[in-house]
Amino acid sequence: ELSMQCILIALNRFLQEKHGSKMAFLDGNPPERLCKPIADHIESLGGQVILNSRIQKIELNSDKSVKHFMLTNGNIITGDAYVFATPVDTLKLLLPEDWKEISYFKK
């Protein structure tokens, strides 16, 4: 096992500073060179990118697949596939009980 503190500090600098990507692999800032192309691709395929929203709960179907995301503002997000970015500690709080038995989520 290995502490990720050094990597997280470097990644934080990479994400926060205007020219931070010069120490990595992008030829511009991460939001424009990494995040925007991903969002544009999702939207070009008919998907929707929703920013600055917090998930309150992940509701499941009887087969343990995602039924919908409930946001803290009361909105419900439904779709065929879901992607959300959150710190691991937050994911642990949101993880449905039925998923905690899945080996992928045990670590």
PDB file of N, CA and C in Angstrom:
ATOM      1  N   GLU A   1       0.848  -1.181   0.000  1.00  0.00           N
ATOM      2  CA  GLU A   1       0.000   0.000   0.000  1.00  0.00           C
ATOM      3  C   GLU A   1       0.886   1.234   0.000  1.00  0.00           C
ATOM      4  N   LEU A   2       0.362   2.292  -0.541  1.00  0.00           N
ATOM      5  CA  LEU A   2       1.159   3.483  -0.774  1.00  0.00           C
ATOM      6  C   LEU A   2       0.297   4.717  -0.532  1.00  0.00           C
ATOM      7  N   SER A   3       0.876   5.724   0.111  1.00  0.00           N
ATOM      8  CA  SER A   3       0.149   6.971   0.319  1.00  0.00           C
ATOM      9  C   SER A   3       0.076   7.749  -0.986  1.00  0.00           C
ATOM     10  N   MET A   4      -1.094   8.256  -1.298  1.00  0.00           N
ATOM     11  CA  MET A   4      -1.282   9.010  -2.537  1.00  0.00           C
ATOM     12  C   MET A   4      -1.179  10.521  -2.297  1.00  0.00           C
ATOM     13  N   GLN A   5      -0.735  10.923  -1.115  1.00  0.00           N
ATOM     14  CA  GLN A   5      -0.687  12.347  -0.787  1.00  0.00           C
ATOM     15  C   GLN A   5       0.137  13.145  -1.789  1.00  0.00           C
ATOM     16  N   CYS A   6       1.318  12.665  -2.137  1.00  0.00           N
ATOM     17  CA  CYS A   6       2.171  13.402  -3.090  1.00  0.00           C
ATOM     18  C   CYS A   6       1.489  13.538  -4.447  1.00  0.00           C
ATOM     19  N   ILE A   7       0.893  12.460  -4.900  1.00  0.00           N
ATOM     20  CA  ILE A   7       0.212  12.493  -6.196  1.00  0.00           C
ATOM     21  C   ILE A   7      -0.977  13.441  -6.149  1.00  0.00           C
ATOM     22  N   LEU A   8      -1.721  13.417  -5.063  1.00  0.00           N
ATOM     23  CA  LEU A   8      -2.882  14.306  -4.948  1.00  0.00           C
ATOM     24  C   LEU A   8      -2.462  15.771  -4.892  1.00  0.00           C
ATOM     25  N   ILE A   9      -1.364  16.066  -4.226  1.00  0.00           N
ATOM     26  CA  ILE A   9      -0.859  17.444  -4.189  1.00  0.00           C
ATOM     27  C   ILE A   9      -0.481  17.894  -5.598  1.00  0.00           C
ATOM     28  N   ALA A  10       0.231  17.036  -6.331  1.00  0.00           N
ATOM     29  CA  ALA A  10       0.616  17.381  -7.708  1.00  0.00           C
ATOM     30  C   ALA A  10      -0.607  17.531  -8.596  1.00  0.00           C
ATOM     31  N   LEU A  11      -1.561  16.622  -8.468  1.00  0.00           N
ATOM     32  CA  LEU A  11      -2.778  16.703  -9.269  1.00  0.00           C
ATOM     33  C   LEU A  11      -3.556  17.973  -8.947  1.00  0.00           C
ATOM     34  N   ASN A  12      -3.633  18.332  -7.677  1.00  0.00           N
ATOM     35  CA  ASN A  12      -4.321  19.558  -7.289  1.00  0.00           C
ATOM     36  C   ASN A  12      -3.669  20.774  -7.954  1.00  0.00           C
ATOM     37  N   ARG A  13      -2.346  20.797  -7.971  1.00  0.00           N
ATOM     38  CA  ARG A  13      -1.654  21.911  -8.636  1.00  0.00           C
ATOM     39  C   ARG A  13      -1.947  21.902 -10.129  1.00  0.00           C
ATOM     40  N   PHE A  14      -1.899  20.728 -10.712  1.00  0.00           N
ATOM     41  CA  PHE A  14      -2.195  20.561 -12.133  1.00  0.00           C
ATOM     42  C   PHE A  14      -3.577  21.107 -12.465  1.00  0.00           C
ATOM     43  N   LEU A  15      -4.561  20.849 -11.615  1.00  0.00           N
ATOM     44  CA  LEU A  15      -5.940  21.263 -11.892  1.00  0.00           C
ATOM     45  C   LEU A  15      -6.202  22.728 -11.559  1.00  0.00           C
ATOM     46  N   GLN A  16      -5.482  23.274 -10.593  1.00  0.00           N
ATOM     47  CA  GLN A  16      -5.788  24.610 -10.104  1.00  0.00           C
ATOM     48  C   GLN A  16      -5.043  25.730 -10.835  1.00  0.00           C
ATOM     49  N   GLU A  17      -3.843  25.469 -11.295  1.00  0.00           N
ATOM     50  CA  GLU A  17      -3.042  26.538 -11.875  1.00  0.00           C
ATOM     51  C   GLU A  17      -3.227  26.639 -13.384  1.00  0.00           C
ATOM     52  N   LYS A  18      -3.223  27.854 -13.875  1.00  0.00           N
ATOM     53  CA  LYS A  18      -3.440  28.100 -15.303  1.00  0.00           C
ATOM     54  C   LYS A  18      -2.451  27.333 -16.177  1.00  0.00           C
ATOM     55  N   HIS A  19      -1.205  27.293 -15.779  1.00  0.00           N
ATOM     56  CA  HIS A  19      -0.188  26.611 -16.569  1.00  0.00           C
ATOM     57  C   HIS A  19       0.242  25.292 -15.923  1.00  0.00           C
ATOM     58  N   GLY A  20      -0.589  24.775 -15.045  1.00  0.00           N
ATOM     59  CA  GLY A  20      -0.262  23.538 -14.352  1.00  0.00           C
ATOM     60  C   GLY A  20      -0.109  22.355 -15.276  1.00  0.00           C
ATOM     61  N   SER A  21      -0.797  22.374 -16.399  1.00  0.00           N
ATOM     62  CA  SER A  21      -0.721  21.232 -17.311  1.00  0.00           C
ATOM     63  C   SER A  21       0.638  21.116 -17.985  1.00  0.00           C
ATOM     64  N   LYS A  22       1.473  22.145 -17.901  1.00  0.00           N
ATOM     65  CA  LYS A  22       2.811  22.047 -18.486  1.00  0.00           C
ATOM     66  C   LYS A  22       3.635  20.972 -17.786  1.00  0.00           C
ATOM     67  N   MET A  23       3.258  20.662 -16.550  1.00  0.00           N
ATOM     68  CA  MET A  23       3.985  19.606 -15.847  1.00  0.00           C
ATOM     69  C   MET A  23       3.385  18.236 -16.140  1.00  0.00           C
ATOM     70  N   ALA A  24       2.399  18.178 -17.002  1.00  0.00           N
ATOM     71  CA  ALA A  24       1.754  16.907 -17.306  1.00  0.00           C
ATOM     72  C   ALA A  24       1.751  16.685 -18.818  1.00  0.00           C
ATOM     73  N   PHE A  25       0.591  16.415 -19.388  1.00  0.00           N
ATOM     74  CA  PHE A  25       0.548  15.994 -20.780  1.00  0.00           C
ATOM     75  C   PHE A  25      -0.315  16.855 -21.672  1.00  0.00           C
ATOM     76  N   LEU A  26      -0.961  17.884 -21.175  1.00  0.00           N
ATOM     77  CA  LEU A  26      -1.859  18.689 -21.994  1.00  0.00           C
ATOM     78  C   LEU A  26      -1.153  19.917 -22.542  1.00  0.00           C
ATOM     79  N   ASP A  27      -1.602  20.398 -23.668  1.00  0.00           N
ATOM     80  CA  ASP A  27      -1.038  21.607 -24.255  1.00  0.00           C
ATOM     81  C   ASP A  27      -1.940  22.808 -23.978  1.00  0.00           C
ATOM     82  N   GLY A  28      -2.598  22.804 -22.866  1.00  0.00           N
ATOM     83  CA  GLY A  28      -3.476  23.890 -22.444  1.00  0.00           C
ATOM     84  C   GLY A  28      -4.037  23.555 -21.075  1.00  0.00           C
ATOM     85  N   ASN A  29      -4.971  24.379 -20.608  1.00  0.00           N
ATOM     86  CA  ASN A  29      -5.508  24.117 -19.275  1.00  0.00           C
ATOM     87  C   ASN A  29      -6.481  22.939 -19.295  1.00  0.00           C
ATOM     88  N   PRO A  30      -6.577  22.207 -18.176  1.00  0.00           N
ATOM     89  CA  PRO A  30      -7.401  20.990 -18.130  1.00  0.00           C
ATOM     90  C   PRO A  30      -8.877  21.181 -18.489  1.00  0.00           C
ATOM     91  N   PRO A  31      -9.547  22.247 -18.018  1.00  0.00           N
ATOM     92  CA  PRO A  31     -10.957  22.370 -18.403  1.00  0.00           C
ATOM     93  C   PRO A  31     -11.161  22.473 -19.917  1.00  0.00           C
ATOM     94  N   GLU A  32     -10.285  23.193 -20.596  1.00  0.00           N
ATOM     95  CA  GLU A  32     -10.441  23.359 -22.044  1.00  0.00           C
ATOM     96  C   GLU A  32      -9.917  22.165 -22.837  1.00  0.00           C
ATOM     97  N   ARG A  33      -8.796  21.583 -22.418  1.00  0.00           N
ATOM     98  CA  ARG A  33      -8.139  20.544 -23.208  1.00  0.00           C
ATOM     99  C   ARG A  33      -8.538  19.126 -22.826  1.00  0.00           C
ATOM    100  N   LEU A  34      -9.097  18.938 -21.627  1.00  0.00           N
ATOM    101  CA  LEU A  34      -9.469  17.603 -21.180  1.00  0.00           C
ATOM    102  C   LEU A  34     -10.978  17.486 -20.951  1.00  0.00           C
ATOM    103  N   CYS A  35     -11.512  18.354 -20.106  1.00  0.00           N
ATOM    104  CA  CYS A  35     -12.929  18.249 -19.732  1.00  0.00           C
ATOM    105  C   CYS A  35     -13.876  18.633 -20.867  1.00  0.00           C
ATOM    106  N   LYS A  36     -13.604  19.748 -21.541  1.00  0.00           N
ATOM    107  CA  LYS A  36     -14.507  20.217 -22.597  1.00  0.00           C
ATOM    108  C   LYS A  36     -14.651  19.211 -23.737  1.00  0.00           C
ATOM    109  N   PRO A  37     -13.548  18.616 -24.237  1.00  0.00           N
ATOM    110  CA  PRO A  37     -13.726  17.608 -25.296  1.00  0.00           C
ATOM    111  C   PRO A  37     -14.571  16.413 -24.843  1.00  0.00           C
ATOM    112  N   ILE A  38     -14.423  16.005 -23.609  1.00  0.00           N
ATOM    113  CA  ILE A  38     -15.234  14.898 -23.100  1.00  0.00           C
ATOM    114  C   ILE A  38     -16.702  15.309 -23.059  1.00  0.00           C
ATOM    115  N   ALA A  39     -16.979  16.489 -22.520  1.00  0.00           N
ATOM    116  CA  ALA A  39     -18.362  16.983 -22.456  1.00  0.00           C
ATOM    117  C   ALA A  39     -18.942  17.156 -23.856  1.00  0.00           C
ATOM    118  N   ASP A  40     -18.149  17.707 -24.776  1.00  0.00           N
ATOM    119  CA  ASP A  40     -18.619  17.889 -26.154  1.00  0.00           C
ATOM    120  C   ASP A  40     -18.960  16.543 -26.797  1.00  0.00           C
ATOM    121  N   HIS A  41     -18.155  15.540 -26.541  1.00  0.00           N
ATOM    122  CA  HIS A  41     -18.401  14.208 -27.109  1.00  0.00           C
ATOM    123  C   HIS A  41     -19.699  13.618 -26.565  1.00  0.00           C
ATOM    124  N   ILE A  42     -19.890  13.722 -25.265  1.00  0.00           N
ATOM    125  CA  ILE A  42     -21.129  13.224 -24.648  1.00  0.00           C
ATOM    126  C   ILE A  42     -22.341  13.920 -25.258  1.00  0.00           C
ATOM    127  N   GLU A  43     -22.256  15.242 -25.377  1.00  0.00           N
ATOM    128  CA  GLU A  43     -23.371  16.009 -25.931  1.00  0.00           C
ATOM    129  C   GLU A  43     -23.586  15.704 -27.416  1.00  0.00           C
ATOM    130  N   SER A  44     -22.508  15.422 -28.167  1.00  0.00           N
ATOM    131  CA  SER A  44     -22.660  15.118 -29.594  1.00  0.00           C
ATOM    132  C   SER A  44     -23.401  13.797 -29.809  1.00  0.00           C
ATOM    133  N   LEU A  45     -23.391  12.945 -28.793  1.00  0.00           N
ATOM    134  CA  LEU A  45     -24.095  11.667 -28.869  1.00  0.00           C
ATOM    135  C   LEU A  45     -25.480  11.733 -28.241  1.00  0.00           C
ATOM    136  N   GLY A  46     -25.931  12.955 -27.921  1.00  0.00           N
ATOM    137  CA  GLY A  46     -27.268  13.130 -27.367  1.00  0.00           C
ATOM    138  C   GLY A  46     -27.327  13.142 -25.853  1.00  0.00           C
ATOM    139  N   GLY A  47     -26.173  13.064 -25.217  1.00  0.00           N
ATOM    140  CA  GLY A  47     -26.136  13.091 -23.752  1.00  0.00           C
ATOM    141  C   GLY A  47     -26.224  14.506 -23.219  1.00  0.00           C
ATOM    142  N   GLN A  48     -26.339  14.603 -21.936  1.00  0.00           N
ATOM    143  CA  GLN A  48     -26.439  15.904 -21.269  1.00  0.00           C
ATOM    144  C   GLN A  48     -25.393  15.958 -20.168  1.00  0.00           C
ATOM    145  N   VAL A  49     -24.676  17.074 -20.088  1.00  0.00           N
ATOM    146  CA  VAL A  49     -23.684  17.288 -19.045  1.00  0.00           C
ATOM    147  C   VAL A  49     -24.255  18.329 -18.084  1.00  0.00           C
ATOM    148  N   ILE A  50     -24.383  17.937 -16.842  1.00  0.00           N
ATOM    149  CA  ILE A  50     -24.940  18.829 -15.817  1.00  0.00           C
ATOM    150  C   ILE A  50     -23.834  19.116 -14.817  1.00  0.00           C
ATOM    151  N   LEU A  51     -23.486  20.387 -14.664  1.00  0.00           N
ATOM    152  CA  LEU A  51     -22.414  20.790 -13.762  1.00  0.00           C
ATOM    153  C   LEU A  51     -22.972  21.413 -12.488  1.00  0.00           C
ATOM    154  N   ASN A  52     -22.143  21.472 -11.488  1.00  0.00           N
ATOM    155  CA  ASN A  52     -22.462  22.147 -10.222  1.00  0.00           C
ATOM    156  C   ASN A  52     -23.761  21.644  -9.606  1.00  0.00           C
ATOM    157  N   SER A  53     -23.952  20.342  -9.636  1.00  0.00           N
ATOM    158  CA  SER A  53     -25.130  19.715  -9.042  1.00  0.00           C
ATOM    159  C   SER A  53     -24.656  18.641  -8.078  1.00  0.00           C
ATOM    160  N   ARG A  54     -25.353  18.524  -6.972  1.00  0.00           N
ATOM    161  CA  ARG A  54     -24.962  17.520  -5.983  1.00  0.00           C
ATOM    162  C   ARG A  54     -25.990  16.407  -5.925  1.00  0.00           C
ATOM    163  N   ILE A  55     -25.483  15.193  -5.925  1.00  0.00           N
ATOM    164  CA  ILE A  55     -26.358  14.032  -5.822  1.00  0.00           C
ATOM    165  C   ILE A  55     -26.671  13.783  -4.351  1.00  0.00           C
ATOM    166  N   GLN A  56     -27.950  13.647  -4.071  1.00  0.00           N
ATOM    167  CA  GLN A  56     -28.386  13.338  -2.708  1.00  0.00           C
ATOM    168  C   GLN A  56     -28.495  11.823  -2.513  1.00  0.00           C
ATOM    169  N   LYS A  57     -28.979  11.127  -3.567  1.00  0.00           N
ATOM    170  CA  LYS A  57     -29.196   9.696  -3.438  1.00  0.00           C
ATOM    171  C   LYS A  57     -29.187   9.034  -4.804  1.00  0.00           C
ATOM    172  N   ILE A  58     -28.644   7.813  -4.851  1.00  0.00           N
ATOM    173  CA  ILE A  58     -28.691   6.985  -6.048  1.00  0.00           C
ATOM    174  C   ILE A  58     -29.794   5.966  -5.823  1.00  0.00           C
ATOM    175  N   GLU A  59     -30.876   6.088  -6.571  1.00  0.00           N
ATOM    176  CA  GLU A  59     -32.004   5.149  -6.448  1.00  0.00           C
ATOM    177  C   GLU A  59     -31.778   3.986  -7.404  1.00  0.00           C
ATOM    178  N   LEU A  60     -32.059   2.762  -6.939  1.00  0.00           N
ATOM    179  CA  LEU A  60     -31.826   1.576  -7.744  1.00  0.00           C
ATOM    180  C   LEU A  60     -33.118   0.901  -8.164  1.00  0.00           C
ATOM    181  N   ASN A  61     -33.043   0.184  -9.288  1.00  0.00           N
ATOM    182  CA  ASN A  61     -34.110  -0.714  -9.717  1.00  0.00           C
ATOM    183  C   ASN A  61     -33.969  -2.024  -8.945  1.00  0.00           C
ATOM    184  N   SER A  62     -34.924  -2.918  -9.111  1.00  0.00           N
ATOM    185  CA  SER A  62     -34.884  -4.203  -8.404  1.00  0.00           C
ATOM    186  C   SER A  62     -33.683  -5.055  -8.812  1.00  0.00           C
ATOM    187  N   ASP A  63     -33.132  -4.821 -10.035  1.00  0.00           N
ATOM    188  CA  ASP A  63     -31.961  -5.577 -10.485  1.00  0.00           C
ATOM    189  C   ASP A  63     -30.642  -4.905 -10.085  1.00  0.00           C
ATOM    190  N   LYS A  64     -30.714  -3.907  -9.226  1.00  0.00           N
ATOM    191  CA  LYS A  64     -29.564  -3.158  -8.686  1.00  0.00           C
ATOM    192  C   LYS A  64     -28.922  -2.208  -9.691  1.00  0.00           C
ATOM    193  N   SER A  65     -29.563  -1.974 -10.837  1.00  0.00           N
ATOM    194  CA  SER A  65     -29.092  -0.966 -11.786  1.00  0.00           C
ATOM    195  C   SER A  65     -29.640   0.389 -11.339  1.00  0.00           C
ATOM    196  N   VAL A  66     -29.070   1.456 -11.883  1.00  0.00           N
ATOM    197  CA  VAL A  66     -29.494   2.802 -11.482  1.00  0.00           C
ATOM    198  C   VAL A  66     -30.871   3.114 -12.050  1.00  0.00           C
ATOM    199  N   LYS A  67     -31.769   3.504 -11.170  1.00  0.00           N
ATOM    200  CA  LYS A  67     -33.109   3.962 -11.573  1.00  0.00           C
ATOM    201  C   LYS A  67     -33.027   5.448 -11.906  1.00  0.00           C
ATOM    202  N   HIS A  68     -32.465   6.223 -10.978  1.00  0.00           N
ATOM    203  CA  HIS A  68     -32.249   7.652 -11.194  1.00  0.00           C
ATOM    204  C   HIS A  68     -31.343   8.206 -10.100  1.00  0.00           C
ATOM    205  N   PHE A  69     -30.852   9.409 -10.346  1.00  0.00           N
ATOM    206  CA  PHE A  69     -30.120  10.167  -9.338  1.00  0.00           C
ATOM    207  C   PHE A  69     -31.074  11.215  -8.788  1.00  0.00           C
ATOM    208  N   MET A  70     -31.133  11.354  -7.482  1.00  0.00           N
ATOM    209  CA  MET A  70     -31.895  12.429  -6.866  1.00  0.00           C
ATOM    210  C   MET A  70     -30.890  13.503  -6.445  1.00  0.00           C
ATOM    211  N   LEU A  71     -31.098  14.727  -6.931  1.00  0.00           N
ATOM    212  CA  LEU A  71     -30.204  15.831  -6.596  1.00  0.00           C
ATOM    213  C   LEU A  71     -30.664  16.540  -5.328  1.00  0.00           C
ATOM    214  N   THR A  72     -29.746  17.262  -4.706  1.00  0.00           N
ATOM    215  CA  THR A  72     -30.092  17.973  -3.472  1.00  0.00           C
ATOM    216  C   THR A  72     -31.106  19.090  -3.710  1.00  0.00           C
ATOM    217  N   ASN A  73     -31.222  19.569  -4.964  1.00  0.00           N
ATOM    218  CA  ASN A  73     -32.205  20.616  -5.258  1.00  0.00           C
ATOM    219  C   ASN A  73     -33.589  20.039  -5.557  1.00  0.00           C
ATOM    220  N   GLY A  74     -33.736  18.705  -5.425  1.00  0.00           N
ATOM    221  CA  GLY A  74     -35.024  18.057  -5.654  1.00  0.00           C
ATOM    222  C   GLY A  74     -35.218  17.501  -7.052  1.00  0.00           C
ATOM    223  N   ASN A  75     -34.369  17.874  -7.992  1.00  0.00           N
ATOM    224  CA  ASN A  75     -34.483  17.343  -9.355  1.00  0.00           C
ATOM    225  C   ASN A  75     -34.103  15.874  -9.399  1.00  0.00           C
ATOM    226  N   ILE A  76     -34.693  15.159 -10.339  1.00  0.00           N
ATOM    227  CA  ILE A  76     -34.388  13.753 -10.554  1.00  0.00           C
ATOM    228  C   ILE A  76     -33.787  13.610 -11.947  1.00  0.00           C
ATOM    229  N   ILE A  77     -32.651  12.931 -12.032  1.00  0.00           N
ATOM    230  CA  ILE A  77     -31.950  12.731 -13.291  1.00  0.00           C
ATOM    231  C   ILE A  77     -32.101  11.265 -13.696  1.00  0.00           C
ATOM    232  N   THR A  78     -32.663  11.035 -14.883  1.00  0.00           N
ATOM    233  CA  THR A  78     -32.795   9.676 -15.402  1.00  0.00           C
ATOM    234  C   THR A  78     -32.033   9.570 -16.713  1.00  0.00           C
ATOM    235  N   GLY A  79     -31.580   8.366 -17.031  1.00  0.00           N
ATOM    236  CA  GLY A  79     -30.852   8.182 -18.281  1.00  0.00           C
ATOM    237  C   GLY A  79     -30.562   6.724 -18.540  1.00  0.00           C
ATOM    238  N   ASP A  80     -29.936   6.472 -19.672  1.00  0.00           N
ATOM    239  CA  ASP A  80     -29.527   5.118 -20.041  1.00  0.00           C
ATOM    240  C   ASP A  80     -28.179   4.765 -19.427  1.00  0.00           C
ATOM    241  N   ALA A  81     -27.335   5.763 -19.236  1.00  0.00           N
ATOM    242  CA  ALA A  81     -26.018   5.579 -18.628  1.00  0.00           C
ATOM    243  C   ALA A  81     -25.721   6.811 -17.792  1.00  0.00           C
ATOM    244  N   TYR A  82     -24.947   6.624 -16.742  1.00  0.00           N
ATOM    245  CA  TYR A  82     -24.660   7.719 -15.818  1.00  0.00           C
ATOM    246  C   TYR A  82     -23.165   7.790 -15.543  1.00  0.00           C
ATOM    247  N   VAL A  83     -22.663   9.024 -15.448  1.00  0.00           N
ATOM    248  CA  VAL A  83     -21.291   9.273 -15.033  1.00  0.00           C
ATOM    249  C   VAL A  83     -21.361  10.436 -14.059  1.00  0.00           C
ATOM    250  N   PHE A  84     -20.726  10.278 -12.908  1.00  0.00           N
ATOM    251  CA  PHE A  84     -20.624  11.443 -12.038  1.00  0.00           C
ATOM    252  C   PHE A  84     -19.266  11.476 -11.372  1.00  0.00           C
ATOM    253  N   ALA A  85     -18.769  12.686 -11.163  1.00  0.00           N
ATOM    254  CA  ALA A  85     -17.448  12.883 -10.583  1.00  0.00           C
ATOM    255  C   ALA A  85     -17.616  13.337  -9.145  1.00  0.00           C
ATOM    256  N   THR A  86     -16.990  12.606  -8.259  1.00  0.00           N
ATOM    257  CA  THR A  86     -17.084  12.941  -6.846  1.00  0.00           C
ATOM    258  C   THR A  86     -15.871  12.364  -6.129  1.00  0.00           C
ATOM    259  N   PRO A  87     -15.462  12.979  -5.053  1.00  0.00           N
ATOM    260  CA  PRO A  87     -14.378  12.386  -4.264  1.00  0.00           C
ATOM    261  C   PRO A  87     -14.808  11.025  -3.707  1.00  0.00           C
ATOM    262  N   VAL A  88     -13.844  10.151  -3.458  1.00  0.00           N
ATOM    263  CA  VAL A  88     -14.134   8.810  -2.970  1.00  0.00           C
ATOM    264  C   VAL A  88     -14.913   8.847  -1.655  1.00  0.00           C
ATOM    265  N   ASP A  89     -14.558   9.759  -0.769  1.00  0.00           N
ATOM    266  CA  ASP A  89     -15.265   9.835   0.515  1.00  0.00           C
ATOM    267  C   ASP A  89     -16.741  10.150   0.326  1.00  0.00           C
ATOM    268  N   THR A  90     -17.055  10.995  -0.632  1.00  0.00           N
ATOM    269  CA  THR A  90     -18.452  11.320  -0.919  1.00  0.00           C
ATOM    270  C   THR A  90     -19.151  10.116  -1.552  1.00  0.00           C
ATOM    271  N   LEU A  91     -18.452   9.426  -2.447  1.00  0.00           N
ATOM    272  CA  LEU A  91     -19.025   8.232  -3.059  1.00  0.00           C
ATOM    273  C   LEU A  91     -19.388   7.203  -1.990  1.00  0.00           C
ATOM    274  N   LYS A  92     -18.521   7.036  -1.008  1.00  0.00           N
ATOM    275  CA  LYS A  92     -18.799   6.081   0.067  1.00  0.00           C
ATOM    276  C   LYS A  92     -20.099   6.426   0.792  1.00  0.00           C
ATOM    277  N   LEU A  93     -20.384   7.698   0.946  1.00  0.00           N
ATOM    278  CA  LEU A  93     -21.626   8.123   1.610  1.00  0.00           C
ATOM    279  C   LEU A  93     -22.848   7.907   0.726  1.00  0.00           C
ATOM    280  N   LEU A  94     -22.674   8.021  -0.590  1.00  0.00           N
ATOM    281  CA  LEU A  94     -23.786   7.895  -1.538  1.00  0.00           C
ATOM    282  C   LEU A  94     -24.053   6.458  -1.976  1.00  0.00           C
ATOM    283  N   LEU A  95     -23.077   5.585  -1.785  1.00  0.00           N
ATOM    284  CA  LEU A  95     -23.172   4.226  -2.299  1.00  0.00           C
ATOM    285  C   LEU A  95     -24.387   3.498  -1.719  1.00  0.00           C
ATOM    286  N   PRO A  96     -25.268   3.004  -2.590  1.00  0.00           N
ATOM    287  CA  PRO A  96     -26.428   2.256  -2.102  1.00  0.00           C
ATOM    288  C   PRO A  96     -25.986   0.988  -1.361  1.00  0.00           C
ATOM    289  N   GLU A  97     -26.749   0.577  -0.373  1.00  0.00           N
ATOM    290  CA  GLU A  97     -26.425  -0.614   0.420  1.00  0.00           C
ATOM    291  C   GLU A  97     -26.241  -1.841  -0.472  1.00  0.00           C
ATOM    292  N   ASP A  98     -27.080  -1.989  -1.492  1.00  0.00           N
ATOM    293  CA  ASP A  98     -26.994  -3.150  -2.383  1.00  0.00           C
ATOM    294  C   ASP A  98     -25.681  -3.212  -3.154  1.00  0.00           C
ATOM    295  N   TRP A  99     -25.016  -2.084  -3.328  1.00  0.00           N
ATOM    296  CA  TRP A  99     -23.757  -2.064  -4.063  1.00  0.00           C
ATOM    297  C   TRP A  99     -22.558  -2.340  -3.159  1.00  0.00           C
ATOM    298  N   LYS A 100     -22.715  -2.169  -1.865  1.00  0.00           N
ATOM    299  CA  LYS A 100     -21.579  -2.329  -0.955  1.00  0.00           C
ATOM    300  C   LYS A 100     -21.051  -3.758  -0.934  1.00  0.00           C
ATOM    301  N   GLU A 101     -21.865  -4.713  -1.350  1.00  0.00           N
ATOM    302  CA  GLU A 101     -21.427  -6.111  -1.403  1.00  0.00           C
ATOM    303  C   GLU A 101     -20.661  -6.437  -2.684  1.00  0.00           C
ATOM    304  N   ILE A 102     -20.668  -5.550  -3.658  1.00  0.00           N
ATOM    305  CA  ILE A 102     -19.961  -5.753  -4.924  1.00  0.00           C
ATOM    306  C   ILE A 102     -18.463  -5.551  -4.680  1.00  0.00           C
ATOM    307  N   SER A 103     -17.648  -6.510  -5.111  1.00  0.00           N
ATOM    308  CA  SER A 103     -16.203  -6.459  -4.825  1.00  0.00           C
ATOM    309  C   SER A 103     -15.550  -5.170  -5.324  1.00  0.00           C
ATOM    310  N   TYR A 104     -16.020  -4.628  -6.451  1.00  0.00           N
ATOM    311  CA  TYR A 104     -15.460  -3.396  -7.007  1.00  0.00           C
ATOM    312  C   TYR A 104     -15.506  -2.258  -5.992  1.00  0.00           C
ATOM    313  N   PHE A 105     -16.558  -2.199  -5.191  1.00  0.00           N
ATOM    314  CA  PHE A 105     -16.737  -1.101  -4.245  1.00  0.00           C
ATOM    315  C   PHE A 105     -16.198  -1.400  -2.855  1.00  0.00           C
ATOM    316  N   LYS A 106     -15.743  -2.587  -2.594  1.00  0.00           N
ATOM    317  CA  LYS A 106     -15.283  -2.944  -1.254  1.00  0.00           C
ATOM    318  C   LYS A 106     -13.999  -2.238  -0.839  1.00  0.00           C
ATOM    319  N   LYS A 107     -13.156  -1.884  -1.796  1.00  0.00           N
ATOM    320  CA  LYS A 107     -11.900  -1.214  -1.463  1.00  0.00           C
ATOM    321  C   LYS A 107     -12.076   0.280  -1.475  1.00  0.00           C
TER     322      LYS A 107
END
